[in-house]
């Protein structure tokens, strides 16, 4: 599936700004961006891709149990991530590494999570309201909707004060749209008119099932059945992702109810490191999306605006420095003690957990006695 007539695109694959009647309502959001933010779009995309590649290498070398790449989806995430305000809450799936980084998350926390060193990974109160990764497909849509209902009940929606009004942004993939959780979330969001943006990253594959087998209609049209306004965008266009997300989040905060965005992008790598995409994807599809790479497209745009070579060198250096730092810190991590599995299950002491922990301690001690 490629772009359709409905696809909002502000940046052509050649890197030029698209100015037309179809883009007129979104261009003011781009015009108000200062140079620092425009440059940071590129910096975040480049740095997170290098991190992503390094993490994948670490997994292949036995340092992680699993890695979930975001390669090719950087523009969809960076644009929408920057469109959120500090007081907004963000509920990711498990591939939104750069959104977490934008909100202040040390991405080493993701490494620790996928190494088995933590139960959840981080405290959202310390990461700019960026909530935990959710590996149960689609369940984060219900978590986000419940939170957004609370925002509505708390009266932090539609006050007219930009420092007070809040919204909730939830990410999910095309495969999750086949899950009951996402559809149930849309029912409740529409019923309670939650201040919420559903952000679908359609990367065309639910592991090995293509999107055209999952749905006989473009996915953004499904939202209409729930009474939720929706837009389809070019997900490899960071400017479109920012502008359309900004417009829809503003509407949600103003009390106009939930919104839905389908970002057409492509998972260039494997679903996870346990997957082999060469078994089910065609080379020509990969080539088509490679030509629409979000980073090279945006780089052409910046160069046309006069951004010099020094900036791109500095960004490349920053990316390599982060990758080196992540590798060093990962190799310094120890193995998690087995007793960790009993921690943080309940807030207070629980007799069943205590019993299981005691049994396991005795079980382990038995091996020590056998070898002494």
Protein backbone atom coordinates (compact mmCIF):
# COMPACT_ATOMS: atom_id res chain seq x y z
CA UNK A 1 0.00 0.00 0.00
CA UNK A 2 1.34 3.42 -0.96
CA UNK A 3 -0.05 6.90 -0.48
CA UNK A 4 -3.62 7.78 -1.44
CA UNK A 5 -5.37 10.97 -2.52
CA UNK A 6 -6.28 11.49 1.13
CA UNK A 7 -2.67 11.35 2.36
CA UNK A 8 -1.46 14.63 3.85
CA UNK A 9 2.10 15.30 2.74
CA UNK A 10 3.99 18.50 3.52
CA UNK A 11 7.41 17.31 2.40
CA UNK A 12 7.83 15.56 -0.93
CA UNK A 13 10.12 12.51 -1.21
CA UNK A 14 12.57 14.88 -2.93
CA UNK A 15 12.62 17.10 0.15
CA UNK A 16 10.67 20.12 -1.08
CA UNK A 17 7.82 21.76 0.81
CA UNK A 18 4.40 20.96 -0.66
CA UNK A 19 2.31 24.12 -0.79
CA UNK A 20 -1.21 23.53 -2.05
CA UNK A 21 -4.85 23.92 -1.10
CA UNK A 22 -4.66 20.53 0.61
CA UNK A 23 -1.77 21.59 2.86
CA UNK A 24 -2.88 25.17 3.51
CA UNK A 25 -4.37 24.47 6.95
CA UNK A 26 -1.19 22.79 8.19
CA UNK A 27 1.55 25.07 6.84
CA UNK A 28 1.11 27.72 9.59
CA UNK A 29 2.22 25.14 12.15
CA UNK A 30 5.46 24.71 10.20
CA UNK A 31 5.96 28.43 9.71
CA UNK A 32 5.96 29.00 13.47
CA UNK A 33 8.79 26.53 14.10
CA UNK A 34 12.14 28.15 14.85
CA UNK A 35 15.41 26.91 13.40
CA UNK A 36 16.38 25.13 16.61
CA UNK A 37 13.30 22.92 16.53
CA UNK A 38 13.65 22.23 12.80
CA UNK A 39 17.23 21.10 13.36
CA UNK A 40 16.23 19.03 16.37
CA UNK A 41 13.79 17.03 14.23
CA UNK A 42 16.77 15.82 12.22
CA UNK A 43 19.02 15.32 15.23
CA UNK A 44 16.51 13.13 17.02
CA UNK A 45 15.84 10.97 13.96
CA UNK A 46 19.53 10.38 13.23
CA UNK A 47 20.56 9.74 16.81
CA UNK A 48 17.74 7.30 17.55
CA UNK A 49 18.43 5.34 14.37
CA UNK A 50 22.05 4.88 15.39
CA UNK A 51 20.92 3.83 18.87
CA UNK A 52 18.44 1.43 17.31
CA UNK A 53 21.11 -0.23 15.17
CA UNK A 54 23.51 -0.52 18.11
CA UNK A 55 20.83 -2.08 20.30
CA UNK A 56 20.08 -4.62 17.58
CA UNK A 57 23.77 -5.50 17.41
CA UNK A 58 23.89 -5.92 21.18
CA UNK A 59 20.98 -8.33 21.02
CA UNK A 60 22.70 -10.40 18.35
CA UNK A 61 25.76 -10.56 20.61
CA UNK A 62 23.71 -12.00 23.47
CA UNK A 63 23.43 -8.85 25.57
CA UNK A 64 19.64 -8.50 25.24
CA UNK A 65 16.84 -11.04 25.20
CA UNK A 66 15.05 -9.15 22.43
CA UNK A 67 15.21 -5.92 20.47
CA UNK A 68 12.30 -4.09 18.85
CA UNK A 69 13.56 -1.85 16.04
CA UNK A 70 11.99 1.44 14.94
CA UNK A 71 14.05 1.75 11.75
CA UNK A 72 12.07 3.65 9.11
CA UNK A 73 9.44 5.03 11.50
CA UNK A 74 11.48 7.90 12.93
CA UNK A 75 9.57 10.75 11.26
CA UNK A 76 6.15 9.59 12.42
CA UNK A 77 7.41 9.41 15.99
CA UNK A 78 9.54 12.57 16.12
CA UNK A 79 6.90 14.80 14.57
CA UNK A 80 4.06 13.60 16.75
CA UNK A 81 6.25 13.47 19.85
CA UNK A 82 7.19 17.13 19.51
CA UNK A 83 3.55 18.07 18.88
CA UNK A 84 2.64 17.09 22.45
CA UNK A 85 2.83 19.62 25.27
CA UNK A 86 4.73 18.93 28.52
CA UNK A 87 1.49 18.30 30.47
CA UNK A 88 0.18 15.79 27.94
CA UNK A 89 0.42 12.07 28.70
CA UNK A 90 1.84 9.64 26.17
CA UNK A 91 1.09 5.91 26.06
CA UNK A 92 3.50 4.05 23.74
CA UNK A 93 3.34 0.56 22.35
CA UNK A 94 6.91 -0.81 22.37
CA UNK A 95 8.65 0.78 19.38
CA UNK A 96 8.47 4.49 20.31
CA UNK A 97 12.06 4.84 21.52
CA UNK A 98 12.56 8.36 20.23
CA UNK A 99 9.30 9.66 21.70
CA UNK A 100 10.59 8.57 25.10
CA UNK A 101 13.89 10.32 24.43
CA UNK A 102 12.10 13.52 23.47
CA UNK A 103 10.22 13.39 26.78
CA UNK A 104 13.43 12.98 28.77
CA UNK A 105 13.77 9.20 29.01
CA UNK A 106 17.31 7.83 29.21
CA UNK A 107 17.05 5.22 26.46
CA UNK A 108 19.32 3.00 28.52
CA UNK A 109 16.14 2.22 30.46
CA UNK A 110 14.84 0.47 27.33
CA UNK A 111 18.02 -1.60 27.18
CA UNK A 112 17.61 -2.56 30.84
CA UNK A 113 13.98 -3.51 30.26
CA UNK A 114 14.80 -5.82 27.37
CA UNK A 115 17.68 -7.32 29.31
CA UNK A 116 15.30 -8.31 32.09
CA UNK A 117 16.64 -5.90 34.68
CA UNK A 118 13.34 -4.16 35.42
CA UNK A 119 9.66 -5.01 35.59
CA UNK A 120 8.41 -1.89 33.83
CA UNK A 121 11.38 0.25 32.91
CA UNK A 122 10.72 3.73 34.32
CA UNK A 123 8.47 5.96 36.35
CA UNK A 124 6.28 8.08 34.03
CA UNK A 125 6.33 10.93 36.54
CA UNK A 126 10.08 11.18 35.92
CA UNK A 127 9.96 10.85 32.13
CA UNK A 128 7.70 13.68 31.04
CA UNK A 129 4.47 11.65 31.40
CA UNK A 130 5.81 9.03 28.99
CA UNK A 131 4.20 5.82 30.19
CA UNK A 132 5.55 2.28 30.07
CA UNK A 133 6.03 0.17 26.99
CA UNK A 134 3.15 -2.28 26.50
CA UNK A 135 3.92 -5.64 24.95
CA UNK A 136 0.31 -6.86 25.07
CA UNK A 137 -0.85 -5.75 21.64
CA UNK A 138 -3.33 -2.88 21.76
CA UNK A 139 -3.94 -2.82 25.51
CA UNK A 140 -2.31 0.60 25.84
CA UNK A 141 -5.25 2.09 23.91
CA UNK A 142 -7.53 1.20 26.83
CA UNK A 143 -5.00 2.51 29.37
CA UNK A 144 -4.78 5.79 27.46
CA UNK A 145 -8.54 6.13 27.10
CA UNK A 146 -9.05 5.54 30.80
CA UNK A 147 -6.49 8.22 31.57
CA UNK A 148 -8.08 10.61 29.08
CA UNK A 149 -11.47 10.03 30.69
CA UNK A 150 -9.86 11.08 33.96
CA UNK A 151 -8.54 14.24 32.33
CA UNK A 152 -12.08 15.05 31.24
CA UNK A 153 -13.49 14.36 34.72
CA UNK A 154 -10.74 16.45 36.34
CA UNK A 155 -11.68 19.48 34.27
CA UNK A 156 -8.28 19.95 32.62
CA UNK A 157 -9.82 20.09 29.16
CA UNK A 158 -11.31 23.04 27.32
CA UNK A 159 -10.43 25.66 29.93
CA UNK A 160 -8.80 27.89 27.34
CA UNK A 161 -5.57 28.00 29.35
CA UNK A 162 -2.74 26.40 27.32
CA UNK A 163 -0.80 25.74 30.53
CA UNK A 164 -3.70 23.79 32.03
CA UNK A 165 -5.43 21.92 29.22
CA UNK A 166 -4.19 18.37 28.69
CA UNK A 167 -4.47 15.65 26.10
CA UNK A 168 -3.47 12.01 25.84
CA UNK A 169 -1.52 10.60 22.90
CA UNK A 170 -1.53 6.85 22.32
CA UNK A 171 0.55 4.95 19.76
CA UNK A 172 -0.25 1.59 18.20
CA UNK A 173 0.35 -0.32 14.97
CA UNK A 174 -1.81 -1.64 12.17
CA UNK A 175 -1.91 -5.10 13.73
CA UNK A 176 -3.37 -3.63 16.92
CA UNK A 177 -6.39 -2.32 15.00
CA UNK A 178 -7.48 -5.97 14.71
CA UNK A 179 -7.51 -6.27 18.50
CA UNK A 180 -10.65 -5.78 20.53
CA UNK A 181 -8.87 -3.47 22.97
CA UNK A 182 -8.31 -0.75 20.36
CA UNK A 183 -11.90 -0.89 19.15
CA UNK A 184 -13.25 -0.85 22.70
CA UNK A 185 -11.03 2.16 23.44
CA UNK A 186 -12.50 4.00 20.46
CA UNK A 187 -16.02 3.27 21.73
CA UNK A 188 -15.29 4.76 25.15
CA UNK A 189 -13.28 7.66 23.72
CA UNK A 190 -16.16 8.66 21.47
CA UNK A 191 -18.75 8.16 24.20
CA UNK A 192 -16.91 10.28 26.75
CA UNK A 193 -15.40 12.69 24.21
CA UNK A 194 -11.94 12.20 25.64
CA UNK A 195 -9.11 14.66 24.94
CA UNK A 196 -7.19 12.06 23.01
CA UNK A 197 -5.23 11.42 19.85
CA UNK A 198 -5.06 7.85 18.55
CA UNK A 199 -1.84 7.67 16.52
CA UNK A 200 -1.67 4.62 14.27
CA UNK A 201 1.73 3.86 12.78
CA UNK A 202 0.76 1.75 9.79
CA UNK A 203 4.07 0.08 9.01
CA UNK A 204 2.24 -2.39 6.75
CA UNK A 205 3.03 -5.54 8.70
CA UNK A 206 1.53 -7.17 11.80
CA UNK A 207 4.60 -9.37 12.12
CA UNK A 208 4.10 -11.40 8.91
CA UNK A 209 0.52 -10.46 8.01
CA UNK A 210 0.23 -7.60 5.48
CA UNK A 211 -2.15 -4.77 6.21
CA UNK A 212 -4.26 -5.46 3.12
CA UNK A 213 -5.16 -8.84 4.62
CA UNK A 214 -6.07 -7.24 7.95
CA UNK A 215 -8.40 -4.64 6.47
CA UNK A 216 -10.29 -4.23 3.21
CA UNK A 217 -10.54 -0.49 3.76
CA UNK A 218 -7.94 2.16 4.61
CA UNK A 219 -7.47 2.05 8.35
CA UNK A 220 -8.07 5.74 8.95
CA UNK A 221 -11.65 5.30 7.67
CA UNK A 222 -12.44 2.89 10.49
CA UNK A 223 -12.46 5.76 12.95
CA UNK A 224 -15.54 7.24 11.27
CA UNK A 225 -17.55 4.24 12.39
CA UNK A 226 -16.92 5.32 15.97
CA UNK A 227 -17.65 8.99 15.25
CA UNK A 228 -13.99 9.97 15.58
CA UNK A 229 -12.55 12.43 13.01
CA UNK A 230 -9.50 11.00 11.26
CA UNK A 231 -6.65 11.95 8.94
CA UNK A 232 -4.21 9.89 6.90
CA UNK A 233 -0.68 11.28 6.66
CA UNK A 234 2.64 10.46 5.06
CA UNK A 235 4.32 8.94 8.09
CA UNK A 236 7.78 9.38 6.58
CA UNK A 237 7.25 13.14 6.51
CA UNK A 238 8.28 14.61 9.85
CA UNK A 239 6.66 17.96 9.04
CA UNK A 240 3.29 16.37 8.28
CA UNK A 241 3.50 14.27 11.41
CA UNK A 242 4.19 17.35 13.50
CA UNK A 243 1.62 19.68 11.94
CA UNK A 244 -1.30 17.24 11.77
CA UNK A 245 -0.60 15.92 15.27
CA UNK A 246 -0.35 19.46 16.59
CA UNK A 247 -3.68 20.44 15.03
CA UNK A 248 -5.45 17.37 16.38
CA UNK A 249 -3.95 17.56 19.86
CA UNK A 250 -4.95 21.23 20.08
CA UNK A 251 -8.52 20.25 19.19
CA UNK A 252 -8.53 17.46 21.78
CA UNK A 253 -7.27 19.79 24.51
CA UNK A 254 -9.91 22.34 23.57
CA UNK A 255 -12.62 19.81 24.39
CA UNK A 256 -13.52 18.81 20.83
CA UNK A 257 -13.18 15.11 21.55
CA UNK A 258 -10.87 12.36 20.29
CA UNK A 259 -9.00 12.36 16.99
CA UNK A 260 -7.35 9.62 14.90
CA UNK A 261 -4.26 9.74 12.66
CA UNK A 262 -3.06 6.97 10.38
CA UNK A 263 0.62 7.52 9.55
CA UNK A 264 1.65 5.55 6.46
CA UNK A 265 5.19 4.35 7.08
CA UNK A 266 7.17 1.13 6.76
CA UNK A 267 9.00 -1.17 9.11
CA UNK A 268 12.33 -1.41 7.31
CA UNK A 269 13.71 -4.05 9.64
CA UNK A 270 12.29 -7.07 11.40
CA UNK A 271 9.26 -6.94 13.66
CA UNK A 272 11.65 -7.91 16.46
CA UNK A 273 15.00 -9.68 16.46
CA UNK A 274 13.09 -12.99 16.67
CA UNK A 275 11.61 -12.35 13.21
CA UNK A 276 12.96 -12.85 9.69
CA UNK A 277 11.12 -10.48 7.30
CA UNK A 278 12.80 -11.97 4.21
CA UNK A 279 10.40 -14.90 4.59
CA UNK A 280 7.31 -12.84 3.81
CA UNK A 281 8.26 -9.48 2.22
CA UNK A 282 9.00 -8.62 -1.39
CA UNK A 283 12.25 -6.82 -2.24
CA UNK A 284 10.44 -4.28 -4.43
CA UNK A 285 8.28 -3.15 -1.51
CA UNK A 286 11.36 -2.58 0.64
CA UNK A 287 13.00 -0.68 -2.22
CA UNK A 288 9.93 1.53 -2.69
CA UNK A 289 9.97 2.62 0.94
CA UNK A 290 13.76 2.92 1.04
CA UNK A 291 13.45 5.64 -1.58
CA UNK A 292 11.13 7.47 0.83
CA UNK A 293 13.45 7.25 3.81
CA UNK A 294 12.39 9.87 6.37
CA UNK A 295 15.91 10.97 7.32
CA UNK A 296 17.40 11.47 3.86
CA UNK A 297 14.21 13.26 2.77
CA UNK A 298 14.40 15.71 5.63
CA UNK A 299 18.13 16.20 5.19
CA UNK A 300 17.52 17.34 1.62
CA UNK A 301 14.97 19.83 2.93
CA UNK A 302 17.40 21.26 5.48
CA UNK A 303 20.25 21.51 2.99
CA UNK A 304 17.96 23.40 0.60
CA UNK A 305 17.27 25.84 3.45
CA UNK A 306 20.99 26.49 3.77
CA UNK A 307 21.93 24.27 6.71
CA UNK A 308 25.66 23.65 6.44
CA UNK A 309 27.77 20.53 6.51
CA UNK A 310 29.06 21.21 10.02
CA UNK A 311 25.62 20.59 11.51
CA UNK A 312 25.29 17.19 9.85
CA UNK A 313 28.80 16.20 10.98
CA UNK A 314 28.00 17.21 14.55
CA UNK A 315 24.80 15.16 14.52
CA UNK A 316 26.64 12.12 13.17
CA UNK A 317 29.23 12.49 15.93
CA UNK A 318 26.51 12.79 18.56
CA UNK A 319 24.89 9.62 17.25
CA UNK A 320 28.17 7.68 17.38
CA UNK A 321 28.87 8.97 20.88
CA UNK A 322 25.48 7.78 22.10
CA UNK A 323 25.96 4.37 20.49
CA UNK A 324 29.37 4.00 22.16
CA UNK A 325 27.97 5.08 25.50
CA UNK A 326 25.07 2.62 25.25
CA UNK A 327 27.43 -0.22 24.36
CA UNK A 328 29.75 0.59 27.27
CA UNK A 329 26.91 0.88 29.77
CA UNK A 330 25.27 -2.32 28.52
CA UNK A 331 28.45 -4.35 28.86
CA UNK A 332 28.84 -3.04 32.41
CA UNK A 333 25.41 -4.32 33.43
CA UNK A 334 25.32 -7.41 35.57
CA UNK A 335 22.88 -10.26 35.35
CA UNK A 336 19.62 -9.64 37.21
CA UNK A 337 19.25 -11.67 40.40
CA UNK A 338 16.51 -14.26 40.10
CA UNK A 339 14.88 -12.84 43.23
CA UNK A 340 13.87 -9.78 41.19
CA UNK A 341 10.89 -11.68 39.83
CA UNK A 342 9.25 -11.44 43.25
CA UNK A 343 9.82 -7.69 43.62
CA UNK A 344 7.23 -5.07 42.70
CA UNK A 345 4.48 -7.61 42.08
CA UNK A 346 2.38 -6.00 44.81
CA UNK A 347 2.82 -2.67 46.58
CA UNK A 348 2.60 -4.32 50.00
CA UNK A 349 3.92 -7.63 51.28
CA UNK A 350 1.85 -10.55 50.02
CA UNK A 351 1.86 -13.99 51.69
CA UNK A 352 1.68 -15.96 48.46
CA UNK A 353 4.61 -14.06 46.94
CA UNK A 354 6.58 -14.49 50.17
CA UNK A 355 5.89 -18.23 50.08
CA UNK A 356 7.01 -18.50 46.46
CA UNK A 357 10.16 -16.48 47.13
CA UNK A 358 11.06 -18.71 50.09
CA UNK A 359 10.52 -21.85 47.99
CA UNK A 360 12.71 -20.50 45.21
CA UNK A 361 15.47 -19.51 47.64
CA UNK A 362 15.47 -23.03 49.04
CA UNK A 363 15.48 -24.47 45.53
CA UNK A 364 18.56 -22.44 44.59
CA UNK A 365 20.28 -23.33 47.85
CA UNK A 366 19.83 -27.00 46.98
CA UNK A 367 22.14 -26.60 43.99
CA UNK A 368 24.81 -24.98 46.16
CA UNK A 369 24.66 -27.88 48.61
CA UNK A 370 24.91 -30.41 45.79
CA UNK A 371 28.13 -28.84 44.48
CA UNK A 372 29.80 -28.22 47.86
